[in-house]
């Protein structure tokens, strides 16, 4: 036995075997030939048309202010304590419901603001926010 001869059966093959590649390609070709006509024969359906744009009907916010002496203001108009629950109930019944923005003077008693918040909750107002001034420090 001589080393380095090319006639030995243990020799490494340095060519790519193309037979498996051709087999796989033929199988894929047959699959595509069968499935393409099936995909083209579909049932014609007249689908309904719908718009996906949201409605932009946003209600106006209610600006509710409590001044330093405890008086209530509804959108810059002074109102009495007896008138507040009726106005809040009317706004709570609207759809979509407007937001209630509360501006309370820093010198007002907390009791006045708490009463207004309680009346809003009882009327069914779901969105209540507070307006503050940024700190100037």
N, C-alpha and C. Protein backbone atom coordinates (compact mmCIF):
# COMPACT_ATOMS: atom_id res chain seq x y z
N UNK A 1 0.83 -1.18 0.00
CA UNK A 1 0.00 0.00 0.00
C UNK A 1 0.87 1.23 0.00
N UNK A 2 0.65 2.02 -0.94
CA UNK A 2 1.43 3.25 -1.04
C UNK A 2 0.53 4.41 -0.64
N UNK A 3 1.12 5.34 0.08
CA UNK A 3 0.36 6.52 0.50
C UNK A 3 0.29 7.54 -0.63
N UNK A 4 -0.86 8.21 -0.77
CA UNK A 4 -0.99 9.29 -1.74
C UNK A 4 -1.51 8.87 -3.09
N UNK A 5 -1.89 7.63 -3.26
CA UNK A 5 -2.44 7.24 -4.56
C UNK A 5 -3.92 7.60 -4.62
N UNK A 6 -4.42 7.84 -5.79
CA UNK A 6 -5.80 8.27 -5.94
C UNK A 6 -6.75 7.09 -6.16
N UNK A 7 -6.28 5.92 -6.14
CA UNK A 7 -7.12 4.76 -6.42
C UNK A 7 -7.74 4.17 -5.15
N UNK A 8 -7.45 4.73 -4.01
CA UNK A 8 -7.96 4.18 -2.77
C UNK A 8 -9.45 4.50 -2.61
N UNK A 9 -10.27 3.59 -2.02
CA UNK A 9 -11.70 3.83 -1.84
C UNK A 9 -12.00 4.81 -0.70
N UNK A 10 -11.05 5.08 0.20
CA UNK A 10 -11.28 5.97 1.34
C UNK A 10 -11.10 7.44 0.98
N UNK A 11 -10.85 7.73 -0.22
CA UNK A 11 -10.53 9.09 -0.62
C UNK A 11 -11.74 10.01 -0.50
N UNK A 12 -11.50 11.24 -0.05
CA UNK A 12 -12.56 12.22 0.12
C UNK A 12 -12.98 12.75 -1.24
N UNK A 13 -14.32 12.85 -1.40
CA UNK A 13 -14.86 13.34 -2.65
C UNK A 13 -14.93 14.87 -2.60
N UNK A 14 -14.40 15.56 -3.60
CA UNK A 14 -14.39 17.01 -3.57
C UNK A 14 -15.33 17.62 -4.61
N UNK A 15 -16.42 16.93 -4.97
CA UNK A 15 -17.42 17.45 -5.88
C UNK A 15 -18.77 17.48 -5.16
N UNK A 16 -19.63 18.45 -5.53
CA UNK A 16 -20.96 18.56 -4.93
C UNK A 16 -21.90 17.59 -5.64
N UNK A 17 -22.66 16.84 -4.84
CA UNK A 17 -23.64 15.91 -5.39
C UNK A 17 -24.91 16.70 -5.71
N UNK A 18 -25.27 16.86 -6.95
CA UNK A 18 -26.40 17.67 -7.39
C UNK A 18 -27.72 16.90 -7.39
N UNK A 19 -27.71 15.62 -7.23
CA UNK A 19 -28.92 14.82 -7.31
C UNK A 19 -29.95 15.19 -6.23
N UNK A 20 -29.59 15.34 -4.94
CA UNK A 20 -30.61 15.74 -3.95
C UNK A 20 -31.18 17.13 -4.21
N UNK A 21 -30.35 18.04 -4.71
CA UNK A 21 -30.83 19.39 -5.00
C UNK A 21 -31.85 19.36 -6.14
N UNK A 22 -31.59 18.59 -7.16
CA UNK A 22 -32.51 18.48 -8.28
C UNK A 22 -33.81 17.83 -7.82
N UNK A 23 -33.73 16.82 -6.97
CA UNK A 23 -34.94 16.17 -6.45
C UNK A 23 -35.82 17.15 -5.68
N UNK A 24 -35.22 17.95 -4.82
CA UNK A 24 -35.98 18.93 -4.04
C UNK A 24 -36.61 19.97 -4.95
N UNK A 25 -35.89 20.43 -5.94
CA UNK A 25 -36.44 21.43 -6.86
C UNK A 25 -37.62 20.86 -7.67
N UNK A 26 -37.53 19.61 -8.08
CA UNK A 26 -38.64 19.00 -8.82
C UNK A 26 -39.88 18.85 -7.94
N UNK A 27 -39.70 18.48 -6.69
CA UNK A 27 -40.83 18.36 -5.78
C UNK A 27 -41.50 19.72 -5.57
N UNK A 28 -40.70 20.78 -5.37
CA UNK A 28 -41.26 22.13 -5.22
C UNK A 28 -42.00 22.57 -6.47
N UNK A 29 -41.45 22.26 -7.64
CA UNK A 29 -42.10 22.61 -8.89
C UNK A 29 -43.46 21.92 -9.01
N UNK A 30 -43.54 20.67 -8.65
CA UNK A 30 -44.81 19.94 -8.71
C UNK A 30 -45.81 20.53 -7.73
N UNK A 31 -45.36 20.89 -6.52
CA UNK A 31 -46.26 21.50 -5.53
C UNK A 31 -46.83 22.81 -6.05
N UNK A 32 -45.98 23.66 -6.64
CA UNK A 32 -46.47 24.93 -7.17
C UNK A 32 -47.39 24.74 -8.36
N UNK A 33 -47.13 23.75 -9.19
CA UNK A 33 -48.00 23.50 -10.35
C UNK A 33 -49.39 23.08 -9.88
N UNK A 34 -49.46 22.35 -8.78
CA UNK A 34 -50.76 21.90 -8.27
C UNK A 34 -51.50 23.00 -7.52
N UNK A 35 -50.80 23.81 -6.73
CA UNK A 35 -51.48 24.79 -5.87
C UNK A 35 -51.87 26.09 -6.57
N UNK A 36 -51.18 26.50 -7.60
CA UNK A 36 -51.49 27.79 -8.24
C UNK A 36 -52.90 27.79 -8.86
N UNK A 37 -53.32 26.78 -9.59
CA UNK A 37 -54.70 26.82 -10.12
C UNK A 37 -55.76 26.81 -9.02
N UNK A 38 -55.48 26.17 -7.90
CA UNK A 38 -56.43 26.14 -6.80
C UNK A 38 -56.59 27.53 -6.20
N UNK A 39 -55.51 28.27 -6.11
CA UNK A 39 -55.56 29.62 -5.54
C UNK A 39 -56.31 30.59 -6.43
N UNK A 40 -56.29 30.38 -7.73
CA UNK A 40 -56.97 31.30 -8.65
C UNK A 40 -58.48 31.08 -8.69
N UNK A 41 -58.95 29.91 -8.34
CA UNK A 41 -60.38 29.63 -8.35
C UNK A 41 -60.95 29.92 -6.97
N UNK A 42 -61.20 31.18 -6.71
CA UNK A 42 -61.77 31.57 -5.42
C UNK A 42 -63.21 32.02 -5.62
N UNK A 43 -63.95 32.06 -4.54
CA UNK A 43 -65.34 32.49 -4.57
C UNK A 43 -65.38 34.01 -4.56
N UNK A 44 -66.12 34.60 -5.46
CA UNK A 44 -66.25 36.05 -5.51
C UNK A 44 -67.29 36.50 -4.49
N UNK A 45 -66.87 37.37 -3.59
CA UNK A 45 -67.75 37.88 -2.54
C UNK A 45 -67.69 39.39 -2.59
N UNK A 46 -68.86 40.01 -2.52
CA UNK A 46 -68.94 41.46 -2.46
C UNK A 46 -68.88 41.86 -0.99
N UNK A 47 -67.70 42.27 -0.52
CA UNK A 47 -67.51 42.62 0.88
C UNK A 47 -68.03 44.02 1.18
N UNK A 48 -68.55 44.23 2.38
CA UNK A 48 -69.04 45.57 2.74
C UNK A 48 -67.87 46.53 2.92
N UNK A 49 -68.14 47.78 2.67
CA UNK A 49 -67.12 48.82 2.81
C UNK A 49 -67.35 49.53 4.15
N UNK A 50 -66.25 49.80 4.86
CA UNK A 50 -66.34 50.49 6.15
C UNK A 50 -65.17 51.44 6.28
N UNK A 51 -65.43 52.53 6.95
CA UNK A 51 -64.39 53.51 7.19
C UNK A 51 -63.77 53.22 8.55
N UNK A 52 -62.45 53.24 8.62
CA UNK A 52 -61.77 52.98 9.88
C UNK A 52 -61.31 54.26 10.57
N UNK A 53 -61.73 55.41 10.06
CA UNK A 53 -61.34 56.67 10.66
C UNK A 53 -62.23 56.95 11.88
N UNK A 54 -61.64 57.32 13.00
CA UNK A 54 -62.45 57.61 14.19
C UNK A 54 -63.19 58.94 14.03
N UNK A 55 -64.32 59.02 14.69
CA UNK A 55 -65.08 60.27 14.66
C UNK A 55 -64.36 61.30 15.51
N UNK A 56 -64.32 62.50 15.02
CA UNK A 56 -63.61 63.56 15.72
C UNK A 56 -64.57 64.47 16.49
N UNK A 57 -65.67 63.93 16.97
CA UNK A 57 -66.64 64.72 17.73
C UNK A 57 -66.20 64.77 19.18
N UNK A 58 -65.27 65.65 19.48
CA UNK A 58 -64.79 65.78 20.85
C UNK A 58 -65.56 66.91 21.52
N UNK A 59 -66.13 66.64 22.67
CA UNK A 59 -66.91 67.69 23.34
C UNK A 59 -66.00 68.75 23.94
N UNK A 60 -66.59 69.91 24.17
CA UNK A 60 -65.83 70.98 24.80
C UNK A 60 -65.63 70.67 26.28
N UNK A 61 -64.50 71.09 26.79
CA UNK A 61 -64.23 70.90 28.22
C UNK A 61 -64.99 71.95 29.02
N UNK A 62 -65.34 71.58 30.25
CA UNK A 62 -66.02 72.52 31.15
C UNK A 62 -64.96 73.11 32.06
N UNK A 63 -64.85 74.41 32.07
CA UNK A 63 -63.90 75.10 32.95
C UNK A 63 -64.66 75.52 34.20
N UNK A 64 -64.39 74.84 35.30
CA UNK A 64 -65.07 75.09 36.56
C UNK A 64 -64.07 75.72 37.51
N UNK A 65 -64.39 76.93 38.00
CA UNK A 65 -63.46 77.66 38.86
C UNK A 65 -64.08 77.90 40.23
N UNK A 66 -63.23 77.88 41.25
CA UNK A 66 -63.63 78.23 42.61
C UNK A 66 -62.72 79.38 43.04
N UNK A 67 -63.32 80.56 43.26
CA UNK A 67 -62.52 81.73 43.61
C UNK A 67 -62.16 81.71 45.09
N UNK A 68 -61.36 82.68 45.51
CA UNK A 68 -60.86 82.72 46.89
C UNK A 68 -62.00 82.87 47.91
N UNK A 69 -63.09 83.55 47.51
CA UNK A 69 -64.21 83.72 48.46
C UNK A 69 -65.18 82.53 48.43
N UNK A 70 -64.92 81.52 47.58
CA UNK A 70 -65.72 80.30 47.58
C UNK A 70 -66.83 80.27 46.56
N UNK A 71 -66.92 81.25 45.67
CA UNK A 71 -67.98 81.25 44.66
C UNK A 71 -67.58 80.36 43.49
N UNK A 72 -68.60 79.74 42.90
CA UNK A 72 -68.38 78.84 41.76
C UNK A 72 -68.56 79.60 40.45
N UNK A 73 -67.75 79.23 39.46
CA UNK A 73 -67.86 79.81 38.11
C UNK A 73 -67.86 78.66 37.11
N UNK A 74 -68.88 78.66 36.24
CA UNK A 74 -69.03 77.64 35.20
C UNK A 74 -68.69 78.30 33.87
N UNK A 75 -67.56 77.95 33.28
CA UNK A 75 -67.08 78.59 32.04
C UNK A 75 -67.09 80.11 32.17
N UNK A 76 -66.48 80.59 33.23
CA UNK A 76 -66.31 82.01 33.53
C UNK A 76 -67.62 82.73 33.89
N UNK A 77 -68.71 82.00 34.11
CA UNK A 77 -69.99 82.59 34.49
C UNK A 77 -70.32 82.13 35.91
N UNK A 78 -70.63 83.08 36.79
CA UNK A 78 -70.89 82.74 38.19
C UNK A 78 -72.21 81.99 38.32
N UNK A 79 -72.17 80.90 39.12
CA UNK A 79 -73.38 80.11 39.38
C UNK A 79 -73.50 79.89 40.88
N UNK A 80 -74.71 79.56 41.33
CA UNK A 80 -74.96 79.31 42.74
C UNK A 80 -74.79 77.84 43.08
N UNK A 81 -74.76 77.55 44.39
CA UNK A 81 -74.59 76.17 44.86
C UNK A 81 -75.75 75.28 44.43
N UNK A 82 -76.97 75.82 44.39
CA UNK A 82 -78.14 75.02 44.03
C UNK A 82 -78.16 74.68 42.54
N UNK A 83 -77.55 75.50 41.73
CA UNK A 83 -77.55 75.31 40.28
C UNK A 83 -76.51 74.28 39.81
N UNK A 84 -75.48 74.04 40.62
CA UNK A 84 -74.36 73.17 40.23
C UNK A 84 -74.78 71.72 39.95
N UNK A 85 -75.55 71.04 40.81
CA UNK A 85 -75.89 69.63 40.52
C UNK A 85 -76.68 69.45 39.22
N UNK A 86 -77.57 70.38 38.92
CA UNK A 86 -78.36 70.26 37.69
C UNK A 86 -77.47 70.40 36.46
N UNK A 87 -76.53 71.33 36.48
CA UNK A 87 -75.63 71.49 35.33
C UNK A 87 -74.71 70.28 35.17
N UNK A 88 -74.23 69.76 36.30
CA UNK A 88 -73.35 68.59 36.22
C UNK A 88 -74.10 67.38 35.69
N UNK A 89 -75.34 67.20 36.10
CA UNK A 89 -76.15 66.07 35.62
C UNK A 89 -76.41 66.19 34.12
N UNK A 90 -76.66 67.43 33.66
CA UNK A 90 -76.90 67.62 32.23
C UNK A 90 -75.65 67.29 31.42
N UNK A 91 -74.48 67.66 31.92
CA UNK A 91 -73.23 67.38 31.20
C UNK A 91 -72.88 65.89 31.28
N UNK A 92 -73.21 65.23 32.39
CA UNK A 92 -72.91 63.81 32.53
C UNK A 92 -73.77 62.96 31.60
N UNK A 93 -74.94 63.47 31.22
CA UNK A 93 -75.83 62.72 30.33
C UNK A 93 -75.39 62.78 28.88
N UNK A 94 -74.50 63.69 28.53
CA UNK A 94 -74.05 63.84 27.14
C UNK A 94 -73.13 62.68 26.76
N UNK A 95 -73.16 62.34 25.46
CA UNK A 95 -72.27 61.30 24.96
C UNK A 95 -71.60 61.81 23.71
N UNK A 96 -70.33 61.95 23.62
CA UNK A 96 -69.32 61.66 24.63
C UNK A 96 -69.32 62.71 25.73
N UNK A 97 -68.96 62.27 26.89
CA UNK A 97 -69.02 63.14 28.07
C UNK A 97 -67.84 64.12 28.09
N UNK A 98 -68.13 65.41 28.36
CA UNK A 98 -67.03 66.38 28.41
C UNK A 98 -66.21 66.21 29.70
N UNK A 99 -65.00 66.74 29.65
CA UNK A 99 -64.13 66.71 30.83
C UNK A 99 -64.41 67.93 31.70
N UNK A 100 -64.35 67.74 33.02
CA UNK A 100 -64.55 68.82 33.98
C UNK A 100 -63.17 69.24 34.48
N UNK A 101 -62.75 70.45 34.12
CA UNK A 101 -61.46 70.97 34.56
C UNK A 101 -61.70 71.94 35.72
N UNK A 102 -61.15 71.60 36.88
CA UNK A 102 -61.37 72.39 38.09
C UNK A 102 -60.15 73.27 38.34
N UNK A 103 -60.42 74.58 38.48
CA UNK A 103 -59.38 75.55 38.89
C UNK A 103 -59.77 76.07 40.25
N UNK A 104 -59.00 75.75 41.25
CA UNK A 104 -59.29 76.22 42.60
C UNK A 104 -58.25 77.22 43.06
N UNK A 105 -58.71 78.36 43.57
CA UNK A 105 -57.79 79.36 44.11
C UNK A 105 -57.04 78.75 45.30
N UNK A 106 -55.77 79.11 45.46
CA UNK A 106 -55.00 78.50 46.55
C UNK A 106 -55.45 79.01 47.92
N UNK A 107 -56.21 80.12 47.95
CA UNK A 107 -56.69 80.65 49.22
C UNK A 107 -58.07 80.12 49.60
N UNK A 108 -58.73 79.38 48.71
CA UNK A 108 -60.07 78.88 49.00
C UNK A 108 -59.98 77.68 49.95
N UNK A 109 -61.02 77.51 50.74
CA UNK A 109 -61.08 76.35 51.65
C UNK A 109 -61.26 75.09 50.81
N UNK A 110 -60.58 74.05 51.22
CA UNK A 110 -60.64 72.78 50.50
C UNK A 110 -62.08 72.23 50.48
N UNK A 111 -62.84 72.57 51.47
CA UNK A 111 -64.22 72.09 51.58
C UNK A 111 -65.04 72.47 50.35
N UNK A 112 -64.83 73.67 49.81
CA UNK A 112 -65.60 74.13 48.64
C UNK A 112 -65.25 73.30 47.40
N UNK A 113 -63.99 73.01 47.23
CA UNK A 113 -63.57 72.20 46.08
C UNK A 113 -64.06 70.76 46.26
N UNK A 114 -63.98 70.24 47.47
CA UNK A 114 -64.43 68.87 47.74
C UNK A 114 -65.93 68.72 47.51
N UNK A 115 -66.71 69.74 47.85
CA UNK A 115 -68.15 69.68 47.61
C UNK A 115 -68.44 69.63 46.11
N UNK A 116 -67.70 70.41 45.33
CA UNK A 116 -67.90 70.41 43.88
C UNK A 116 -67.51 69.06 43.28
N UNK A 117 -66.43 68.48 43.76
CA UNK A 117 -66.01 67.16 43.26
C UNK A 117 -67.02 66.09 43.64
N UNK A 118 -67.57 66.17 44.84
CA UNK A 118 -68.58 65.22 45.29
C UNK A 118 -69.84 65.33 44.44
N UNK A 119 -70.24 66.57 44.14
CA UNK A 119 -71.43 66.77 43.30
C UNK A 119 -71.19 66.22 41.90
N UNK A 120 -69.97 66.38 41.37
CA UNK A 120 -69.66 65.85 40.04
C UNK A 120 -69.69 64.33 40.04
N UNK A 121 -69.18 63.72 41.08
CA UNK A 121 -69.19 62.25 41.17
C UNK A 121 -70.61 61.73 41.27
N UNK A 122 -71.44 62.39 42.07
CA UNK A 122 -72.83 61.97 42.22
C UNK A 122 -73.63 62.16 40.92
N UNK A 123 -73.27 63.17 40.14
CA UNK A 123 -73.96 63.41 38.88
C UNK A 123 -73.54 62.41 37.81
N UNK A 124 -72.38 61.76 38.00
CA UNK A 124 -71.93 60.77 37.02
C UNK A 124 -70.84 61.26 36.09
N UNK A 125 -70.20 62.36 36.42
CA UNK A 125 -69.09 62.86 35.60
C UNK A 125 -67.88 61.95 35.82
N UNK A 126 -67.33 61.41 34.73
CA UNK A 126 -66.25 60.43 34.86
C UNK A 126 -64.86 61.05 34.73
N UNK A 127 -64.74 62.15 34.02
CA UNK A 127 -63.42 62.74 33.76
C UNK A 127 -63.30 64.07 34.47
N UNK A 128 -62.49 64.09 35.52
CA UNK A 128 -62.27 65.31 36.29
C UNK A 128 -60.78 65.57 36.33
N UNK A 129 -60.39 66.81 36.03
CA UNK A 129 -58.99 67.18 36.08
C UNK A 129 -58.81 68.50 36.80
N UNK A 130 -57.58 68.74 37.25
CA UNK A 130 -57.25 69.98 37.96
C UNK A 130 -56.31 70.80 37.12
N UNK A 131 -56.53 72.11 37.14
CA UNK A 131 -55.66 73.04 36.42
C UNK A 131 -54.81 73.76 37.47
N UNK A 132 -53.52 73.74 37.28
CA UNK A 132 -52.60 74.42 38.21
C UNK A 132 -51.66 75.32 37.43
N UNK A 133 -51.05 76.22 38.14
CA UNK A 133 -50.03 77.09 37.55
C UNK A 133 -48.68 76.46 37.77
N UNK A 134 -47.78 76.53 36.81
CA UNK A 134 -46.45 75.97 37.02
C UNK A 134 -45.69 76.77 38.08
N UNK A 135 -44.86 76.08 38.85
CA UNK A 135 -44.06 76.70 39.90
C UNK A 135 -43.00 77.57 39.25
N UNK A 136 -42.89 78.82 39.68
CA UNK A 136 -41.96 79.76 39.04
C UNK A 136 -40.57 79.75 39.68
N UNK A 137 -40.25 78.76 40.47
CA UNK A 137 -38.90 78.70 41.09
C UNK A 137 -37.87 78.26 40.12
